[in-house]
Every structure is written in C-alpha cells, then in structure tokens.
C-alpha cells in the first residue's frame, strides 16, 4: 500500500493471517493514521505507519489484503 496515494480520512481494511485492522489515514505525507483491531489496538489509536521505524514498533503477520472501506450512504 502506497500511503501517500491515499486521501486524508480515507479508510482501509487490512487483513493479516491473524487479525483485521481498520486504518484511517490522517496525514498521507507523514504516515499518521488511526488504527483499530488486532491484539494491540482494541480502540482507535493514533499511530505512524511506516515500512521501518524507530521507537515502539508493532509487527504483524504477513498482510493478506488491503481493501478500501466505503461508507454506506442512506437510501433516499
């Protein structure tokens, strides 16, 4: 997933072998996101998404899929 191709507040579902995560992009340029899911993120938590990083790092199992989350619009 190329984060800088996404728009701010765009959401994606990321499925790994063991978990599913909901990621909301806050800043595509800096990698700031909200993440929820898996063992470490039971509620929306601010994080920085990076290929490799320093500091507290959470490593997941291999990513199986990344799909956009489309909000359902109410029927008129």
PDB file of N, CA and C in Angstrom:
ATOM      1  N   UNK A   1       0.851  -1.172   0.000  1.00  0.00           N
ATOM      2  CA  UNK A   1       0.000   0.000   0.000  1.00  0.00           C
ATOM      3  C   UNK A   1       0.892   1.228   0.000  1.00  0.00           C
ATOM      4  N   UNK A   2       0.667   2.103  -0.930  1.00  0.00           N
ATOM      5  CA  UNK A   2       1.415   3.353  -1.006  1.00  0.00           C
ATOM      6  C   UNK A   2       0.589   4.422  -0.287  1.00  0.00           C
ATOM      7  N   UNK A   3       0.971   4.721   0.952  1.00  0.00           N
ATOM      8  CA  UNK A   3       0.177   5.601   1.805  1.00  0.00           C
ATOM      9  C   UNK A   3      -0.033   6.981   1.200  1.00  0.00           C
ATOM     10  N   UNK A   4       0.981   7.514   0.535  1.00  0.00           N
ATOM     11  CA  UNK A   4       0.852   8.884   0.023  1.00  0.00           C
ATOM     12  C   UNK A   4      -0.066   8.988  -1.193  1.00  0.00           C
ATOM     13  N   UNK A   5      -0.620   7.866  -1.664  1.00  0.00           N
ATOM     14  CA  UNK A   5      -1.614   7.926  -2.743  1.00  0.00           C
ATOM     15  C   UNK A   5      -3.036   8.003  -2.192  1.00  0.00           C
ATOM     16  N   UNK A   6      -3.178   7.877  -0.883  1.00  0.00           N
ATOM     17  CA  UNK A   6      -4.495   7.938  -0.255  1.00  0.00           C
ATOM     18  C   UNK A   6      -4.803   9.360   0.183  1.00  0.00           C
ATOM     19  N   UNK A   7      -6.084   9.662   0.298  1.00  0.00           N
ATOM     20  CA  UNK A   7      -6.519  10.977   0.755  1.00  0.00           C
ATOM     21  C   UNK A   7      -6.658  10.966   2.276  1.00  0.00           C
ATOM     22  N   UNK A   8      -6.561  12.147   2.871  1.00  0.00           N
ATOM     23  CA  UNK A   8      -6.812  12.276   4.298  1.00  0.00           C
ATOM     24  C   UNK A   8      -8.211  11.791   4.635  1.00  0.00           C
ATOM     25  N   UNK A   9      -8.356  11.072   5.717  1.00  0.00           N
ATOM     26  CA  UNK A   9      -9.584  10.473   6.229  1.00  0.00           C
ATOM     27  C   UNK A   9     -10.070   9.284   5.408  1.00  0.00           C
ATOM     28  N   UNK A  10      -9.304   8.863   4.405  1.00  0.00           N
ATOM     29  CA  UNK A  10      -9.646   7.629   3.690  1.00  0.00           C
ATOM     30  C   UNK A  10      -9.396   6.449   4.627  1.00  0.00           C
ATOM     31  N   UNK A  11     -10.260   5.426   4.519  1.00  0.00           N
ATOM     32  CA  UNK A  11     -10.142   4.267   5.405  1.00  0.00           C
ATOM     33  C   UNK A  11      -9.899   3.012   4.588  1.00  0.00           C
ATOM     34  N   UNK A  12      -9.084   2.120   5.147  1.00  0.00           N
ATOM     35  CA  UNK A  12      -8.830   0.831   4.520  1.00  0.00           C
ATOM     36  C   UNK A  12      -8.906  -0.257   5.583  1.00  0.00           C
ATOM     37  N   UNK A  13      -9.277  -1.450   5.140  1.00  0.00           N
ATOM     38  CA  UNK A  13      -9.259  -2.633   5.997  1.00  0.00           C
ATOM     39  C   UNK A  13      -8.044  -3.451   5.594  1.00  0.00           C
ATOM     40  N   UNK A  14      -7.228  -3.781   6.567  1.00  0.00           N
ATOM     41  CA  UNK A  14      -6.019  -4.568   6.319  1.00  0.00           C
ATOM     42  C   UNK A  14      -6.187  -5.895   7.038  1.00  0.00           C
ATOM     43  N   UNK A  15      -6.152  -6.979   6.271  1.00  0.00           N
ATOM     44  CA  UNK A  15      -6.298  -8.313   6.846  1.00  0.00           C
ATOM     45  C   UNK A  15      -4.949  -9.004   6.835  1.00  0.00           C
ATOM     46  N   UNK A  16      -4.549  -9.496   7.995  1.00  0.00           N
ATOM     47  CA  UNK A  16      -3.347 -10.320   8.099  1.00  0.00           C
ATOM     48  C   UNK A  16      -3.803 -11.744   8.370  1.00  0.00           C
ATOM     49  N   UNK A  17      -2.858 -12.631   8.523  1.00  0.00           N
ATOM     50  CA  UNK A  17      -3.227 -14.021   8.805  1.00  0.00           C
ATOM     51  C   UNK A  17      -4.022 -14.134  10.108  1.00  0.00           C
ATOM     52  N   UNK A  18      -3.699 -13.293  11.098  1.00  0.00           N
ATOM     53  CA  UNK A  18      -4.298 -13.429  12.418  1.00  0.00           C
ATOM     54  C   UNK A  18      -5.309 -12.359  12.797  1.00  0.00           C
ATOM     55  N   UNK A  19      -5.324 -11.219  12.103  1.00  0.00           N
ATOM     56  CA  UNK A  19      -6.153 -10.098  12.542  1.00  0.00           C
ATOM     57  C   UNK A  19      -6.652  -9.279  11.364  1.00  0.00           C
ATOM     58  N   UNK A  20      -7.643  -8.436  11.656  1.00  0.00           N
ATOM     59  CA  UNK A  20      -8.101  -7.432  10.708  1.00  0.00           C
ATOM     60  C   UNK A  20      -7.991  -6.074  11.383  1.00  0.00           C
ATOM     61  N   UNK A  21      -7.466  -5.110  10.651  1.00  0.00           N
ATOM     62  CA  UNK A  21      -7.273  -3.758  11.168  1.00  0.00           C
ATOM     63  C   UNK A  21      -8.045  -2.774  10.312  1.00  0.00           C
ATOM     64  N   UNK A  22      -8.621  -1.774  10.944  1.00  0.00           N
ATOM     65  CA  UNK A  22      -9.214  -0.642  10.243  1.00  0.00           C
ATOM     66  C   UNK A  22      -8.239   0.522  10.393  1.00  0.00           C
ATOM     67  N   UNK A  23      -7.794   1.059   9.275  1.00  0.00           N
ATOM     68  CA  UNK A  23      -6.826   2.157   9.301  1.00  0.00           C
ATOM     69  C   UNK A  23      -7.459   3.376   8.650  1.00  0.00           C
ATOM     70  N   UNK A  24      -7.449   4.494   9.374  1.00  0.00           N
ATOM     71  CA  UNK A  24      -7.928   5.775   8.863  1.00  0.00           C
ATOM     72  C   UNK A  24      -6.723   6.679   8.671  1.00  0.00           C
ATOM     73  N   UNK A  25      -6.522   7.148   7.460  1.00  0.00           N
ATOM     74  CA  UNK A  25      -5.370   8.000   7.145  1.00  0.00           C
ATOM     75  C   UNK A  25      -5.637   9.412   7.662  1.00  0.00           C
ATOM     76  N   UNK A  26      -4.760   9.906   8.526  1.00  0.00           N
ATOM     77  CA  UNK A  26      -4.856  11.283   8.993  1.00  0.00           C
ATOM     78  C   UNK A  26      -3.994  12.199   8.136  1.00  0.00           C
ATOM     79  N   UNK A  27      -2.768  11.764   7.851  1.00  0.00           N
ATOM     80  CA  UNK A  27      -1.854  12.542   7.020  1.00  0.00           C
ATOM     81  C   UNK A  27      -1.059  11.596   6.131  1.00  0.00           C
ATOM     82  N   UNK A  28      -1.394  11.545   4.839  1.00  0.00           N
ATOM     83  CA  UNK A  28      -0.658  10.661   3.929  1.00  0.00           C
ATOM     84  C   UNK A  28       0.834  11.027   3.860  1.00  0.00           C
ATOM     85  N   UNK A  29       1.149  12.299   4.003  1.00  0.00           N
ATOM     86  CA  UNK A  29       2.533  12.764   3.885  1.00  0.00           C
ATOM     87  C   UNK A  29       3.410  12.270   5.034  1.00  0.00           C
ATOM     88  N   UNK A  30       2.869  12.289   6.256  1.00  0.00           N
ATOM     89  CA  UNK A  30       3.666  11.906   7.421  1.00  0.00           C
ATOM     90  C   UNK A  30       3.460  10.464   7.853  1.00  0.00           C
ATOM     91  N   UNK A  31       2.395   9.816   7.347  1.00  0.00           N
ATOM     92  CA  UNK A  31       2.099   8.444   7.757  1.00  0.00           C
ATOM     93  C   UNK A  31       1.273   8.362   9.019  1.00  0.00           C
ATOM     94  N   UNK A  32       0.748   9.502   9.511  1.00  0.00           N
ATOM     95  CA  UNK A  32      -0.098   9.484  10.708  1.00  0.00           C
ATOM     96  C   UNK A  32      -1.440   8.850  10.378  1.00  0.00           C
ATOM     97  N   UNK A  33      -1.854   7.884  11.203  1.00  0.00           N
ATOM     98  CA  UNK A  33      -3.093   7.145  10.989  1.00  0.00           C
ATOM     99  C   UNK A  33      -3.785   6.898  12.320  1.00  0.00           C
ATOM    100  N   UNK A  34      -5.049   6.517  12.250  1.00  0.00           N
ATOM    101  CA  UNK A  34      -5.745   5.900  13.375  1.00  0.00           C
ATOM    102  C   UNK A  34      -5.873   4.432  13.023  1.00  0.00           C
ATOM    103  N   UNK A  35      -5.589   3.566  13.974  1.00  0.00           N
ATOM    104  CA  UNK A  35      -5.676   2.130  13.718  1.00  0.00           C
ATOM    105  C   UNK A  35      -6.518   1.486  14.812  1.00  0.00           C
ATOM    106  N   UNK A  36      -7.341   0.507  14.409  1.00  0.00           N
ATOM    107  CA  UNK A  36      -8.140  -0.255  15.366  1.00  0.00           C
ATOM    108  C   UNK A  36      -8.146  -1.696  14.903  1.00  0.00           C
ATOM    109  N   UNK A  37      -7.952  -2.618  15.832  1.00  0.00           N
ATOM    110  CA  UNK A  37      -8.007  -4.034  15.516  1.00  0.00           C
ATOM    111  C   UNK A  37      -6.814  -4.784  16.064  1.00  0.00           C
ATOM    112  N   UNK A  38      -6.866  -6.083  15.940  1.00  0.00           N
ATOM    113  CA  UNK A  38      -5.776  -6.918  16.428  1.00  0.00           C
ATOM    114  C   UNK A  38      -5.661  -6.887  17.939  1.00  0.00           C
ATOM    115  N   UNK A  39      -4.626  -7.485  18.447  1.00  0.00           N
ATOM    116  CA  UNK A  39      -4.393  -7.605  19.884  1.00  0.00           C
ATOM    117  C   UNK A  39      -4.028  -6.274  20.543  1.00  0.00           C
ATOM    118  N   UNK A  40      -3.334  -5.398  19.824  1.00  0.00           N
ATOM    119  CA  UNK A  40      -2.787  -4.193  20.439  1.00  0.00           C
ATOM    120  C   UNK A  40      -3.660  -2.949  20.294  1.00  0.00           C
ATOM    121  N   UNK A  41      -4.668  -2.975  19.431  1.00  0.00           N
ATOM    122  CA  UNK A  41      -5.456  -1.781  19.158  1.00  0.00           C
ATOM    123  C   UNK A  41      -6.955  -2.053  19.286  1.00  0.00           C
ATOM    124  N   UNK A  42      -7.467  -2.307  20.507  1.00  0.00           N
ATOM    125  CA  UNK A  42      -8.897  -2.590  20.672  1.00  0.00           C
ATOM    126  C   UNK A  42      -9.774  -1.362  20.392  1.00  0.00           C
ATOM    127  N   UNK A  43      -9.212  -0.174  20.514  1.00  0.00           N
ATOM    128  CA  UNK A  43      -9.918   1.078  20.201  1.00  0.00           C
ATOM    129  C   UNK A  43      -9.062   1.870  19.224  1.00  0.00           C
ATOM    130  N   UNK A  44      -9.676   2.854  18.553  1.00  0.00           N
ATOM    131  CA  UNK A  44      -8.895   3.685  17.632  1.00  0.00           C
ATOM    132  C   UNK A  44      -7.706   4.298  18.370  1.00  0.00           C
ATOM    133  N   UNK A  45      -6.519   4.103  17.807  1.00  0.00           N
ATOM    134  CA  UNK A  45      -5.278   4.574  18.419  1.00  0.00           C
ATOM    135  C   UNK A  45      -4.463   5.297  17.363  1.00  0.00           C
ATOM    136  N   UNK A  46      -3.947   6.462  17.727  1.00  0.00           N
ATOM    137  CA  UNK A  46      -3.104   7.205  16.792  1.00  0.00           C
ATOM    138  C   UNK A  46      -1.756   6.493  16.670  1.00  0.00           C
ATOM    139  N   UNK A  47      -1.287   6.366  15.433  1.00  0.00           N
ATOM    140  CA  UNK A  47      -0.012   5.676  15.174  1.00  0.00           C
ATOM    141  C   UNK A  47       0.621   6.276  13.930  1.00  0.00           C
ATOM    142  N   UNK A  48       1.852   5.882  13.651  1.00  0.00           N
ATOM    143  CA  UNK A  48       2.521   6.273  12.416  1.00  0.00           C
ATOM    144  C   UNK A  48       2.825   4.999  11.647  1.00  0.00           C
ATOM    145  N   UNK A  49       2.326   4.939  10.415  1.00  0.00           N
ATOM    146  CA  UNK A  49       2.514   3.781   9.562  1.00  0.00           C
ATOM    147  C   UNK A  49       3.784   3.977   8.752  1.00  0.00           C
ATOM    148  N   UNK A  50       4.708   3.017   8.859  1.00  0.00           N
ATOM    149  CA  UNK A  50       5.981   3.127   8.148  1.00  0.00           C
ATOM    150  C   UNK A  50       6.492   1.737   7.808  1.00  0.00           C
ATOM    151  N   UNK A  51       7.274   1.662   6.741  1.00  0.00           N
ATOM    152  CA  UNK A  51       7.882   0.393   6.361  1.00  0.00           C
ATOM    153  C   UNK A  51       8.857  -0.091   7.417  1.00  0.00           C
ATOM    154  N   UNK A  52       9.632   0.812   7.932  1.00  0.00           N
ATOM    155  CA  UNK A  52      10.500   0.517   9.080  1.00  0.00           C
ATOM    156  C   UNK A  52      10.544   1.777   9.919  1.00  0.00           C
ATOM    157  N   UNK A  53      10.651   1.618  11.202  1.00  0.00           N
ATOM    158  CA  UNK A  53      10.591   2.789  12.067  1.00  0.00           C
ATOM    159  C   UNK A  53      11.411   2.564  13.323  1.00  0.00           C
ATOM    160  N   UNK A  54      11.510   3.607  14.103  1.00  0.00           N
ATOM    161  CA  UNK A  54      12.207   3.546  15.382  1.00  0.00           C
ATOM    162  C   UNK A  54      11.184   3.747  16.483  1.00  0.00           C
ATOM    163  N   UNK A  55      11.540   3.435  17.698  1.00  0.00           N
ATOM    164  CA  UNK A  55      10.612   3.586  18.806  1.00  0.00           C
ATOM    165  C   UNK A  55       9.789   2.331  18.976  1.00  0.00           C
ATOM    166  N   UNK A  56       8.604   2.488  19.519  1.00  0.00           N
ATOM    167  CA  UNK A  56       7.732   1.333  19.753  1.00  0.00           C
ATOM    168  C   UNK A  56       7.181   0.853  18.421  1.00  0.00           C
ATOM    169  N   UNK A  57       7.497  -0.358  18.060  1.00  0.00           N
ATOM    170  CA  UNK A  57       7.106  -0.923  16.778  1.00  0.00           C
ATOM    171  C   UNK A  57       6.212  -2.134  17.001  1.00  0.00           C
ATOM    172  N   UNK A  58       5.123  -2.190  16.256  1.00  0.00           N
ATOM    173  CA  UNK A  58       4.243  -3.356  16.271  1.00  0.00           C
ATOM    174  C   UNK A  58       4.422  -4.048  14.929  1.00  0.00           C
ATOM    175  N   UNK A  59       4.772  -5.306  14.954  1.00  0.00           N
ATOM    176  CA  UNK A  59       4.957  -6.084  13.727  1.00  0.00           C
ATOM    177  C   UNK A  59       3.814  -7.077  13.633  1.00  0.00           C
ATOM    178  N   UNK A  60       3.152  -7.103  12.480  1.00  0.00           N
ATOM    179  CA  UNK A  60       2.034  -8.025  12.282  1.00  0.00           C
ATOM    180  C   UNK A  60       2.496  -9.217  11.460  1.00  0.00           C
ATOM    181  N   UNK A  61       1.615 -10.199  11.369  1.00  0.00           N
ATOM    182  CA  UNK A  61       1.867 -11.280  10.429  1.00  0.00           C
ATOM    183  C   UNK A  61       1.708 -10.722   9.016  1.00  0.00           C
ATOM    184  N   UNK A  62       2.088 -11.491   8.030  1.00  0.00           N
ATOM    185  CA  UNK A  62       2.059 -11.036   6.635  1.00  0.00           C
ATOM    186  C   UNK A  62       0.677 -10.525   6.238  1.00  0.00           C
ATOM    187  N   UNK A  63       0.651  -9.389   5.548  1.00  0.00           N
ATOM    188  CA  UNK A  63      -0.602  -8.809   5.075  1.00  0.00           C
ATOM    189  C   UNK A  63      -1.181  -9.681   3.970  1.00  0.00           C
ATOM    190  N   UNK A  64      -2.461 -10.025   4.114  1.00  0.00           N
ATOM    191  CA  UNK A  64      -3.175 -10.841   3.137  1.00  0.00           C
ATOM    192  C   UNK A  64      -3.925  -9.977   2.122  1.00  0.00           C
ATOM    193  N   UNK A  65      -4.534  -8.873   2.619  1.00  0.00           N
ATOM    194  CA  UNK A  65      -5.279  -8.000   1.717  1.00  0.00           C
ATOM    195  C   UNK A  65      -5.420  -6.604   2.311  1.00  0.00           C
ATOM    196  N   UNK A  66      -5.569  -5.633   1.406  1.00  0.00           N
ATOM    197  CA  UNK A  66      -5.852  -4.244   1.770  1.00  0.00           C
ATOM    198  C   UNK A  66      -6.993  -3.800   0.866  1.00  0.00           C
ATOM    199  N   UNK A  67      -8.126  -3.433   1.471  1.00  0.00           N
ATOM    200  CA  UNK A  67      -9.273  -3.017   0.665  1.00  0.00           C
ATOM    201  C   UNK A  67      -9.835  -1.711   1.221  1.00  0.00           C
ATOM    202  N   UNK A  68     -10.289  -0.828   0.327  1.00  0.00           N
ATOM    203  CA  UNK A  68     -10.901   0.419   0.792  1.00  0.00           C
ATOM    204  C   UNK A  68     -12.195   0.139   1.552  1.00  0.00           C
ATOM    205  N   UNK A  69     -12.472   0.949   2.537  1.00  0.00           N
ATOM    206  CA  UNK A  69     -13.750   0.882   3.256  1.00  0.00           C
ATOM    207  C   UNK A  69     -14.616   1.994   2.705  1.00  0.00           C
ATOM    208  N   UNK A  70     -15.694   1.623   2.101  1.00  0.00           N
ATOM    209  CA  UNK A  70     -16.638   2.585   1.537  1.00  0.00           C
ATOM    210  C   UNK A  70     -17.790   2.769   2.533  1.00  0.00           C
ATOM    211  N   UNK A  71     -18.065   4.006   2.900  1.00  0.00           N
ATOM    212  CA  UNK A  71     -19.196   4.275   3.784  1.00  0.00           C
ATOM    213  C   UNK A  71     -20.484   4.075   3.019  1.00  0.00           C
ATOM    214  N   UNK A  72     -21.431   3.433   3.659  1.00  0.00           N
ATOM    215  CA  UNK A  72     -22.737   3.239   3.034  1.00  0.00           C
ATOM    216  C   UNK A  72     -23.534   4.527   3.140  1.00  0.00           C
ATOM    217  N   UNK A  73     -24.122   4.931   2.044  1.00  0.00           N
ATOM    218  CA  UNK A  73     -24.974   6.109   2.037  1.00  0.00           C
ATOM    219  C   UNK A  73     -26.409   5.674   2.260  1.00  0.00           C
ATOM    220  N   UNK A  74     -27.162   6.432   3.069  1.00  0.00           N
ATOM    221  CA  UNK A  74     -28.564   6.047   3.284  1.00  0.00           C
ATOM    222  C   UNK A  74     -29.361   6.158   1.995  1.00  0.00           C
ATOM    223  N   UNK A  75     -30.310   5.245   1.822  1.00  0.00           N
ATOM    224  CA  UNK A  75     -31.173   5.271   0.636  1.00  0.00           C
ATOM    225  C   UNK A  75     -32.127   6.442   0.717  1.00  0.00           C
ATOM    226  N   UNK A  76     -32.402   7.069  -0.415  1.00  0.00           N
ATOM    227  CA  UNK A  76     -33.321   8.220  -0.451  1.00  0.00           C
ATOM    228  C   UNK A  76     -34.608   7.800  -1.103  1.00  0.00           C
TER     229      UNK A  76
END
